[in-house]
Amino acid sequence: MSAEQAFWNQCFDIARKCGARFPELVAAQCCLESGFGKHFSGKNNLLGLKGDGSTVSTKEFYDGQWVTIKAGFIDFPSIEACIEYLVSRWYKDYRHFKGINTAPNRYAAARMLYQQKYATDPEYPAKLSKLMKQYAPESTTSAMIGPKKRPQDFGFKQGDSHLVVNDAKETMKAFSFEG
């Protein structure tokens, strides 16, 4: 396994434990913002989270151009604390912000981060999407919601004719569509 994949996996696992609905998006943010863990903006701050702490130079996109500014970045006691901070303030509802956990999918969540001013780079959602497609293809991230249903759960009785389908692939197969 490459060092990049190992870093991705570490961030993904932490994000899932913190309650991110899209842990692959958190992992993409960690990788993009820190160059796969090589560049931190503050102590254990691999997400470029601004606030009191270390002051460093950073590039921001303002008025159609990139500018270099000095900004304060939060220092965290651990990478886990950094990711927990992100998830609790951006992924879940926090103050007047609607958490991106409410997005219908990971790509919409990436757009919400930009729309809610997490990043100034207009290409931020596309960069995150590219990383997610590379390190977490959709076929490996989809999960069935809840337990599989039994015919009895839908009111069918012994001997009834029925078809129970639990996901889109099964639906396509059941109706003989290509999928």
Foldseek 3Di string as FASTA:
>chain_A
DDLLLVLLVVQLVLLVVLPFLCSLLSSLQLCVQQVSVPRAPFALHSRQAFDAGDWDWDWAADPRDIDIDIGHHDHDPHVSRNSSVCCVPAQPDDDPDHHLVPPPDDLVSQVVCVVVPVGRDPCRSVSSVVSCCVNPNPVNPDDFPDDADDPVVVVDDPPDDDDGDRDDVSVCVVVVHDD
